[in-house]
Amino acid sequence: MKKLEPGTYQHYKGHKYLVIGTATHSETLEKMVVYKTLPDNDQSAIWVRPLKMFLEKVFVDGKMVPRFRKISTPSQTTP
């Protein structure tokens, strides 16, 4: 599976998130992405999502697009 790098990612619906890193679910050992909302999002929170789901493509307006796309690296990001 593709390795996920920390940085800022944009969800296909528009909001931006800072990926902190990955974690492992304690019961299932499934790889999870740990990320938090950025100021453009009023839902201030820390989230987790299965890595496989984070990296998948979704069908939007007749085409497949990444659920999240990387828009900057950690050195370009201020949390």
N, C-alpha and C. Protein backbone atom coordinates (compact mmCIF):
# COMPACT_ATOMS: atom_id res chain seq x y z
N MET A 1 0.84 -1.19 0.00
CA MET A 1 0.00 0.00 0.00
C MET A 1 0.88 1.25 0.00
N LYS A 2 0.42 2.28 -0.66
CA LYS A 2 1.15 3.54 -0.77
C LYS A 2 1.41 4.15 0.61
N LYS A 3 2.61 4.71 0.80
CA LYS A 3 2.96 5.36 2.06
C LYS A 3 2.39 6.77 2.07
N LEU A 4 1.84 7.17 3.20
CA LEU A 4 1.25 8.50 3.34
C LEU A 4 2.24 9.39 4.07
N GLU A 5 2.52 10.56 3.52
CA GLU A 5 3.43 11.51 4.13
C GLU A 5 2.65 12.60 4.85
N PRO A 6 3.16 13.08 6.00
CA PRO A 6 2.52 14.21 6.67
C PRO A 6 2.49 15.43 5.76
N GLY A 7 1.54 16.31 6.00
CA GLY A 7 1.41 17.53 5.21
C GLY A 7 -0.04 17.96 5.17
N THR A 8 -0.32 18.95 4.34
CA THR A 8 -1.68 19.45 4.20
C THR A 8 -2.33 18.77 3.00
N TYR A 9 -3.55 18.28 3.23
CA TYR A 9 -4.32 17.61 2.19
C TYR A 9 -5.66 18.30 2.05
N GLN A 10 -6.16 18.32 0.83
CA GLN A 10 -7.48 18.90 0.59
C GLN A 10 -8.46 17.79 0.24
N HIS A 11 -9.58 17.78 0.96
CA HIS A 11 -10.65 16.81 0.71
C HIS A 11 -11.35 17.21 -0.59
N TYR A 12 -11.90 16.25 -1.29
CA TYR A 12 -12.54 16.56 -2.57
C TYR A 12 -13.70 17.53 -2.41
N LYS A 13 -14.25 17.67 -1.21
CA LYS A 13 -15.33 18.64 -0.98
C LYS A 13 -14.80 20.03 -0.66
N GLY A 14 -13.47 20.18 -0.52
CA GLY A 14 -12.87 21.49 -0.39
C GLY A 14 -12.12 21.82 0.88
N HIS A 15 -12.49 21.24 2.02
CA HIS A 15 -11.81 21.58 3.27
C HIS A 15 -10.39 21.04 3.29
N LYS A 16 -9.53 21.71 4.07
CA LYS A 16 -8.12 21.32 4.19
C LYS A 16 -7.86 20.73 5.56
N TYR A 17 -6.94 19.75 5.58
CA TYR A 17 -6.61 19.03 6.81
C TYR A 17 -5.11 18.84 6.90
N LEU A 18 -4.60 18.85 8.12
CA LEU A 18 -3.20 18.57 8.37
C LEU A 18 -3.06 17.11 8.79
N VAL A 19 -2.37 16.32 7.98
CA VAL A 19 -2.13 14.92 8.33
C VAL A 19 -0.97 14.89 9.31
N ILE A 20 -1.24 14.34 10.48
CA ILE A 20 -0.24 14.24 11.54
C ILE A 20 0.62 13.00 11.33
N GLY A 21 -0.01 11.93 10.92
CA GLY A 21 0.71 10.68 10.70
C GLY A 21 -0.25 9.51 10.60
N THR A 22 0.30 8.31 10.79
CA THR A 22 -0.54 7.12 10.75
C THR A 22 -0.48 6.43 12.11
N ALA A 23 -1.47 5.61 12.36
CA ALA A 23 -1.57 4.85 13.60
C ALA A 23 -2.12 3.47 13.25
N THR A 24 -2.07 2.58 14.21
CA THR A 24 -2.58 1.24 14.03
C THR A 24 -3.72 1.00 15.01
N HIS A 25 -4.86 0.54 14.49
CA HIS A 25 -6.01 0.23 15.34
C HIS A 25 -5.61 -0.89 16.30
N SER A 26 -5.87 -0.71 17.58
CA SER A 26 -5.40 -1.66 18.59
C SER A 26 -6.04 -3.04 18.50
N GLU A 27 -7.24 -3.14 17.98
CA GLU A 27 -7.92 -4.43 17.93
C GLU A 27 -7.79 -5.13 16.58
N THR A 28 -7.86 -4.36 15.50
CA THR A 28 -7.86 -4.96 14.17
C THR A 28 -6.52 -4.87 13.46
N LEU A 29 -5.61 -4.05 13.98
CA LEU A 29 -4.31 -3.76 13.39
C LEU A 29 -4.41 -3.02 12.06
N GLU A 30 -5.59 -2.50 11.75
CA GLU A 30 -5.78 -1.73 10.52
C GLU A 30 -5.02 -0.41 10.62
N LYS A 31 -4.36 -0.02 9.54
CA LYS A 31 -3.65 1.25 9.49
C LYS A 31 -4.66 2.39 9.36
N MET A 32 -4.46 3.43 10.17
CA MET A 32 -5.35 4.58 10.19
C MET A 32 -4.55 5.85 9.95
N VAL A 33 -5.20 6.86 9.39
CA VAL A 33 -4.60 8.18 9.21
C VAL A 33 -5.12 9.08 10.33
N VAL A 34 -4.22 9.81 10.97
CA VAL A 34 -4.58 10.76 12.01
C VAL A 34 -4.41 12.15 11.41
N TYR A 35 -5.48 12.94 11.43
CA TYR A 35 -5.42 14.26 10.82
C TYR A 35 -6.33 15.23 11.56
N LYS A 36 -6.06 16.53 11.38
CA LYS A 36 -6.89 17.52 12.06
C LYS A 36 -7.33 18.60 11.09
N THR A 37 -8.42 19.24 11.47
CA THR A 37 -8.97 20.30 10.64
C THR A 37 -8.05 21.52 10.67
N LEU A 38 -8.11 22.31 9.62
CA LEU A 38 -7.40 23.58 9.54
C LEU A 38 -8.41 24.71 9.64
N PRO A 39 -7.96 25.95 9.79
CA PRO A 39 -8.88 27.07 10.04
C PRO A 39 -10.01 27.28 9.03
N ASP A 40 -9.90 26.73 7.83
CA ASP A 40 -10.99 26.90 6.85
C ASP A 40 -12.20 26.04 7.18
N ASN A 41 -12.11 25.26 8.24
CA ASN A 41 -13.15 24.29 8.59
C ASN A 41 -13.68 24.60 9.98
N ASP A 42 -14.98 24.77 10.12
CA ASP A 42 -15.57 25.11 11.41
C ASP A 42 -15.74 23.91 12.34
N GLN A 43 -15.40 22.72 11.87
CA GLN A 43 -15.50 21.51 12.70
C GLN A 43 -14.15 21.19 13.31
N SER A 44 -13.67 22.05 14.20
CA SER A 44 -12.36 21.87 14.81
C SER A 44 -12.30 20.53 15.53
N ALA A 45 -11.45 19.65 15.02
CA ALA A 45 -11.38 18.31 15.59
C ALA A 45 -10.16 17.57 15.08
N ILE A 46 -9.85 16.49 15.77
CA ILE A 46 -8.85 15.53 15.31
C ILE A 46 -9.63 14.31 14.84
N TRP A 47 -9.25 13.80 13.67
CA TRP A 47 -9.98 12.71 13.03
C TRP A 47 -9.06 11.52 12.78
N VAL A 48 -9.66 10.35 12.62
CA VAL A 48 -8.96 9.17 12.12
C VAL A 48 -9.82 8.56 11.02
N ARG A 49 -9.15 8.00 10.04
CA ARG A 49 -9.85 7.36 8.93
C ARG A 49 -8.95 6.22 8.46
N PRO A 50 -9.53 5.10 8.07
CA PRO A 50 -8.70 4.01 7.54
C PRO A 50 -7.82 4.51 6.38
N LEU A 51 -6.55 4.11 6.41
CA LEU A 51 -5.60 4.53 5.38
C LEU A 51 -6.11 4.19 3.99
N LYS A 52 -6.64 3.00 3.83
CA LYS A 52 -7.14 2.57 2.52
C LYS A 52 -8.22 3.53 2.01
N MET A 53 -9.12 3.94 2.89
CA MET A 53 -10.19 4.87 2.52
C MET A 53 -9.63 6.27 2.23
N PHE A 54 -8.66 6.70 3.03
CA PHE A 54 -8.05 8.02 2.83
C PHE A 54 -7.42 8.12 1.44
N LEU A 55 -6.79 7.05 1.00
CA LEU A 55 -6.07 7.05 -0.28
C LEU A 55 -6.93 6.71 -1.50
N GLU A 56 -8.17 6.29 -1.28
CA GLU A 56 -8.98 5.85 -2.42
C GLU A 56 -9.49 7.02 -3.25
N LYS A 57 -9.97 6.68 -4.43
CA LYS A 57 -10.60 7.66 -5.31
C LYS A 57 -12.11 7.53 -5.18
N VAL A 58 -12.79 8.65 -5.40
CA VAL A 58 -14.25 8.68 -5.32
C VAL A 58 -14.79 9.24 -6.62
N PHE A 59 -16.01 8.88 -6.94
CA PHE A 59 -16.67 9.31 -8.17
C PHE A 59 -17.37 10.64 -7.91
N VAL A 60 -16.94 11.72 -8.60
CA VAL A 60 -17.51 13.05 -8.42
C VAL A 60 -17.73 13.69 -9.79
N ASP A 61 -18.94 14.15 -10.03
CA ASP A 61 -19.26 14.84 -11.29
C ASP A 61 -18.79 14.07 -12.52
N GLY A 62 -19.00 12.77 -12.51
CA GLY A 62 -18.69 11.96 -13.67
C GLY A 62 -17.25 11.51 -13.82
N LYS A 63 -16.40 11.79 -12.82
CA LYS A 63 -15.01 11.34 -12.93
C LYS A 63 -14.49 10.90 -11.57
N MET A 64 -13.43 10.09 -11.62
CA MET A 64 -12.79 9.61 -10.40
C MET A 64 -11.74 10.62 -9.95
N VAL A 65 -11.81 11.02 -8.68
CA VAL A 65 -10.85 11.97 -8.11
C VAL A 65 -10.37 11.42 -6.77
N PRO A 66 -9.18 11.82 -6.33
CA PRO A 66 -8.72 11.38 -5.01
C PRO A 66 -9.63 11.93 -3.91
N ARG A 67 -9.91 11.12 -2.91
CA ARG A 67 -10.68 11.61 -1.76
C ARG A 67 -9.93 12.77 -1.11
N PHE A 68 -8.61 12.61 -0.94
CA PHE A 68 -7.74 13.67 -0.42
C PHE A 68 -6.57 13.82 -1.37
N ARG A 69 -6.15 15.06 -1.61
CA ARG A 69 -4.95 15.27 -2.42
C ARG A 69 -3.99 16.16 -1.64
N LYS A 70 -2.72 15.82 -1.72
CA LYS A 70 -1.70 16.56 -0.99
C LYS A 70 -1.48 17.91 -1.64
N ILE A 71 -1.46 18.97 -0.82
CA ILE A 71 -1.24 20.31 -1.37
C ILE A 71 -0.02 21.00 -0.79
N SER A 72 0.57 20.46 0.30
CA SER A 72 1.83 21.00 0.81
C SER A 72 2.50 20.00 1.75
N THR A 73 3.80 20.21 1.95
CA THR A 73 4.57 19.37 2.86
C THR A 73 4.62 20.02 4.23
N PRO A 74 5.07 19.29 5.26
CA PRO A 74 5.09 19.86 6.61
C PRO A 74 5.85 21.18 6.71
N SER A 75 6.94 21.34 5.98
CA SER A 75 7.71 22.59 6.05
C SER A 75 6.95 23.77 5.46
N GLN A 76 5.94 23.49 4.65
CA GLN A 76 5.12 24.55 4.04
C GLN A 76 3.83 24.78 4.81
N THR A 77 3.64 24.06 5.91
CA THR A 77 2.38 24.06 6.64
C THR A 77 2.56 24.63 8.03
N THR A 78 1.63 25.45 8.45
CA THR A 78 1.59 25.89 9.84
C THR A 78 0.33 25.34 10.47
N PRO A 79 0.46 24.54 11.52
CA PRO A 79 -0.72 23.90 12.13
C PRO A 79 -1.72 24.87 12.71
